[in-house]
Amino acid sequence: MSAEAHTSTEYIKHHLQNLTYGQLPAGYERGEGEVLQESTWTLA
């Protein structure tokens, strides 16, 4: 963990720098959307 203070913009850029969504070599990334039961817990 870094001891340096970061601005909110630096923090967001750091955490989004490797985010990949959209066109991939095999096509486009897409979630099919699924209705979950009300007692279902999820982590994304």
PDB file of N, CA and C in Angstrom:
ATOM      1  N   MET A   1       0.839  -1.173   0.000  1.00  0.00           N
ATOM      2  CA  MET A   1       0.000   0.000   0.000  1.00  0.00           C
ATOM      3  C   MET A   1       0.887   1.240   0.000  1.00  0.00           C
ATOM      4  N   SER A   2       0.485   2.201  -0.768  1.00  0.00           N
ATOM      5  CA  SER A   2       1.276   3.411  -0.901  1.00  0.00           C
ATOM      6  C   SER A   2       1.088   4.330   0.300  1.00  0.00           C
ATOM      7  N   ALA A   3       2.173   4.951   0.714  1.00  0.00           N
ATOM      8  CA  ALA A   3       2.112   5.887   1.834  1.00  0.00           C
ATOM      9  C   ALA A   3       1.779   7.300   1.356  1.00  0.00           C
ATOM     10  N   GLU A   4       1.789   7.510   0.035  1.00  0.00           N
ATOM     11  CA  GLU A   4       1.522   8.831  -0.519  1.00  0.00           C
ATOM     12  C   GLU A   4       0.028   9.144  -0.501  1.00  0.00           C
ATOM     13  N   ALA A   5      -0.295  10.426  -0.349  1.00  0.00           N
ATOM     14  CA  ALA A   5      -1.686  10.859  -0.447  1.00  0.00           C
ATOM     15  C   ALA A   5      -2.049  10.998  -1.923  1.00  0.00           C
ATOM     16  N   HIS A   6      -3.251  10.605  -2.277  1.00  0.00           N
ATOM     17  CA  HIS A   6      -3.695  10.684  -3.668  1.00  0.00           C
ATOM     18  C   HIS A   6      -4.962  11.522  -3.764  1.00  0.00           C
ATOM     19  N   THR A   7      -5.109  12.197  -4.904  1.00  0.00           N
ATOM     20  CA  THR A   7      -6.354  12.920  -5.148  1.00  0.00           C
ATOM     21  C   THR A   7      -7.414  11.909  -5.568  1.00  0.00           C
ATOM     22  N   SER A   8      -8.666  12.314  -5.555  1.00  0.00           N
ATOM     23  CA  SER A   8      -9.733  11.403  -5.965  1.00  0.00           C
ATOM     24  C   SER A   8      -9.574  11.003  -7.429  1.00  0.00           C
ATOM     25  N   THR A   9      -9.100  11.909  -8.270  1.00  0.00           N
ATOM     26  CA  THR A   9      -8.887  11.587  -9.681  1.00  0.00           C
ATOM     27  C   THR A   9      -7.803  10.536  -9.842  1.00  0.00           C
ATOM     28  N   GLU A  10      -6.708  10.662  -9.124  1.00  0.00           N
ATOM     29  CA  GLU A  10      -5.631   9.669  -9.182  1.00  0.00           C
ATOM     30  C   GLU A  10      -6.119   8.310  -8.690  1.00  0.00           C
ATOM     31  N   TYR A  11      -6.906   8.323  -7.636  1.00  0.00           N
ATOM     32  CA  TYR A  11      -7.447   7.078  -7.073  1.00  0.00           C
ATOM     33  C   TYR A  11      -8.323   6.361  -8.099  1.00  0.00           C
ATOM     34  N   ILE A  12      -9.223   7.109  -8.735  1.00  0.00           N
ATOM     35  CA  ILE A  12     -10.119   6.521  -9.730  1.00  0.00           C
ATOM     36  C   ILE A  12      -9.337   6.013 -10.931  1.00  0.00           C
ATOM     37  N   LYS A  13      -8.407   6.800 -11.453  1.00  0.00           N
ATOM     38  CA  LYS A  13      -7.600   6.366 -12.599  1.00  0.00           C
ATOM     39  C   LYS A  13      -6.820   5.103 -12.272  1.00  0.00           C
ATOM     40  N   HIS A  14      -6.279   5.020 -11.071  1.00  0.00           N
ATOM     41  CA  HIS A  14      -5.515   3.846 -10.663  1.00  0.00           C
ATOM     42  C   HIS A  14      -6.390   2.593 -10.683  1.00  0.00           C
ATOM     43  N   HIS A  15      -7.604   2.691 -10.162  1.00  0.00           N
ATOM     44  CA  HIS A  15      -8.470   1.524 -10.069  1.00  0.00           C
ATOM     45  C   HIS A  15      -9.167   1.185 -11.382  1.00  0.00           C
ATOM     46  N   LEU A  16      -9.240   2.110 -12.314  1.00  0.00           N
ATOM     47  CA  LEU A  16      -9.882   1.843 -13.597  1.00  0.00           C
ATOM     48  C   LEU A  16      -8.888   1.567 -14.719  1.00  0.00           C
ATOM     49  N   GLN A  17      -7.594   1.665 -14.449  1.00  0.00           N
ATOM     50  CA  GLN A  17      -6.602   1.556 -15.518  1.00  0.00           C
ATOM     51  C   GLN A  17      -6.624   0.217 -16.246  1.00  0.00           C
ATOM     52  N   ASN A  18      -7.011  -0.861 -15.580  1.00  0.00           N
ATOM     53  CA  ASN A  18      -7.024  -2.169 -16.224  1.00  0.00           C
ATOM     54  C   ASN A  18      -8.431  -2.682 -16.490  1.00  0.00           C
ATOM     55  N   LEU A  19      -9.427  -1.810 -16.368  1.00  0.00           N
ATOM     56  CA  LEU A  19     -10.803  -2.206 -16.626  1.00  0.00           C
ATOM     57  C   LEU A  19     -10.987  -2.455 -18.119  1.00  0.00           C
ATOM     58  N   THR A  20     -11.500  -3.602 -18.467  1.00  0.00           N
ATOM     59  CA  THR A  20     -11.733  -3.938 -19.870  1.00  0.00           C
ATOM     60  C   THR A  20     -13.200  -4.261 -20.060  1.00  0.00           C
ATOM     61  N   TYR A  21     -13.831  -3.546 -20.963  1.00  0.00           N
ATOM     62  CA  TYR A  21     -15.219  -3.821 -21.295  1.00  0.00           C
ATOM     63  C   TYR A  21     -15.427  -3.376 -22.725  1.00  0.00           C
ATOM     64  N   GLY A  22     -16.189  -4.133 -23.460  1.00  0.00           N
ATOM     65  CA  GLY A  22     -16.473  -3.754 -24.827  1.00  0.00           C
ATOM     66  C   GLY A  22     -15.928  -4.780 -25.790  1.00  0.00           C
ATOM     67  N   GLN A  23     -15.272  -4.330 -26.856  1.00  0.00           N
ATOM     68  CA  GLN A  23     -14.828  -5.230 -27.906  1.00  0.00           C
ATOM     69  C   GLN A  23     -13.602  -6.031 -27.480  1.00  0.00           C
ATOM     70  N   LEU A  24     -13.725  -7.339 -27.601  1.00  0.00           N
ATOM     71  CA  LEU A  24     -12.650  -8.274 -27.312  1.00  0.00           C
ATOM     72  C   LEU A  24     -12.352  -9.056 -28.588  1.00  0.00           C
ATOM     73  N   PRO A  25     -11.227  -9.781 -28.667  1.00  0.00           N
ATOM     74  CA  PRO A  25     -10.913 -10.544 -29.876  1.00  0.00           C
ATOM     75  C   PRO A  25     -12.040 -11.494 -30.307  1.00  0.00           C
ATOM     76  N   ALA A  26     -12.783 -12.044 -29.361  1.00  0.00           N
ATOM     77  CA  ALA A  26     -13.849 -12.996 -29.693  1.00  0.00           C
ATOM     78  C   ALA A  26     -15.199 -12.307 -29.909  1.00  0.00           C
ATOM     79  N   GLY A  27     -15.243 -10.992 -29.874  1.00  0.00           N
ATOM     80  CA  GLY A  27     -16.502 -10.262 -30.042  1.00  0.00           C
ATOM     81  C   GLY A  27     -16.654  -9.224 -28.947  1.00  0.00           C
ATOM     82  N   TYR A  28     -17.893  -8.895 -28.635  1.00  0.00           N
ATOM     83  CA  TYR A  28     -18.163  -7.896 -27.601  1.00  0.00           C
ATOM     84  C   TYR A  28     -18.521  -8.561 -26.284  1.00  0.00           C
ATOM     85  N   GLU A  29     -18.038  -7.987 -25.199  1.00  0.00           N
ATOM     86  CA  GLU A  29     -18.379  -8.468 -23.865  1.00  0.00           C
ATOM     87  C   GLU A  29     -19.827  -8.090 -23.585  1.00  0.00           C
ATOM     88  N   ARG A  30     -20.598  -9.046 -23.109  1.00  0.00           N
ATOM     89  CA  ARG A  30     -21.998  -8.761 -22.845  1.00  0.00           C
ATOM     90  C   ARG A  30     -22.527  -9.684 -21.761  1.00  0.00           C
ATOM     91  N   GLY A  31     -23.222  -9.116 -20.824  1.00  0.00           N
ATOM     92  CA  GLY A  31     -23.899  -9.916 -19.810  1.00  0.00           C
ATOM     93  C   GLY A  31     -25.308 -10.214 -20.282  1.00  0.00           C
ATOM     94  N   GLU A  32     -25.779 -11.407 -20.059  1.00  0.00           N
ATOM     95  CA  GLU A  32     -27.107 -11.797 -20.519  1.00  0.00           C
ATOM     96  C   GLU A  32     -28.219 -11.340 -19.587  1.00  0.00           C
ATOM     97  N   GLY A  33     -27.873 -10.830 -18.438  1.00  0.00           N
ATOM     98  CA  GLY A  33     -28.886 -10.373 -17.495  1.00  0.00           C
ATOM     99  C   GLY A  33     -29.688 -11.550 -16.964  1.00  0.00           C
ATOM    100  N   GLU A  34     -29.704 -11.693 -15.699  1.00  0.00           N
ATOM    101  CA  GLU A  34     -30.371 -12.832 -15.080  1.00  0.00           C
ATOM    102  C   GLU A  34     -31.136 -12.336 -13.862  1.00  0.00           C
ATOM    103  N   VAL A  35     -32.357 -12.756 -13.731  1.00  0.00           N
ATOM    104  CA  VAL A  35     -33.149 -12.389 -12.562  1.00  0.00           C
ATOM    105  C   VAL A  35     -32.765 -13.327 -11.434  1.00  0.00           C
ATOM    106  N   LEU A  36     -32.383 -12.750 -10.307  1.00  0.00           N
ATOM    107  CA  LEU A  36     -31.964 -13.549  -9.159  1.00  0.00           C
ATOM    108  C   LEU A  36     -33.082 -13.612  -8.131  1.00  0.00           C
ATOM    109  N   GLN A  37     -33.084 -14.665  -7.361  1.00  0.00           N
ATOM    110  CA  GLN A  37     -34.046 -14.785  -6.263  1.00  0.00           C
ATOM    111  C   GLN A  37     -33.721 -13.720  -5.217  1.00  0.00           C
ATOM    112  N   GLU A  38     -34.695 -13.260  -4.498  1.00  0.00           N
ATOM    113  CA  GLU A  38     -34.495 -12.162  -3.543  1.00  0.00           C
ATOM    114  C   GLU A  38     -33.506 -12.473  -2.431  1.00  0.00           C
ATOM    115  N   SER A  39     -33.251 -13.743  -2.159  1.00  0.00           N
ATOM    116  CA  SER A  39     -32.320 -14.085  -1.079  1.00  0.00           C
ATOM    117  C   SER A  39     -30.899 -14.340  -1.587  1.00  0.00           C
ATOM    118  N   THR A  40     -30.621 -14.032  -2.854  1.00  0.00           N
ATOM    119  CA  THR A  40     -29.312 -14.287  -3.447  1.00  0.00           C
ATOM    120  C   THR A  40     -28.342 -13.151  -3.136  1.00  0.00           C
ATOM    121  N   TRP A  41     -27.150 -13.515  -2.698  1.00  0.00           N
ATOM    122  CA  TRP A  41     -26.078 -12.546  -2.468  1.00  0.00           C
ATOM    123  C   TRP A  41     -25.091 -12.676  -3.617  1.00  0.00           C
ATOM    124  N   THR A  42     -24.602 -11.563  -4.143  1.00  0.00           N
ATOM    125  CA  THR A  42     -23.630 -11.603  -5.232  1.00  0.00           C
ATOM    126  C   THR A  42     -22.469 -10.670  -4.936  1.00  0.00           C
ATOM    127  N   LEU A  43     -21.323 -10.989  -5.488  1.00  0.00           N
ATOM    128  CA  LEU A  43     -20.144 -10.127  -5.459  1.00  0.00           C
ATOM    129  C   LEU A  43     -19.724  -9.923  -6.895  1.00  0.00           C
ATOM    130  N   ALA A  44     -19.444  -8.694  -7.255  1.00  0.00           N
ATOM    131  CA  ALA A  44     -19.035  -8.422  -8.631  1.00  0.00           C
ATOM    132  C   ALA A  44     -17.677  -7.772  -8.637  1.00  0.00           C
TER     133      ALA A  44
END
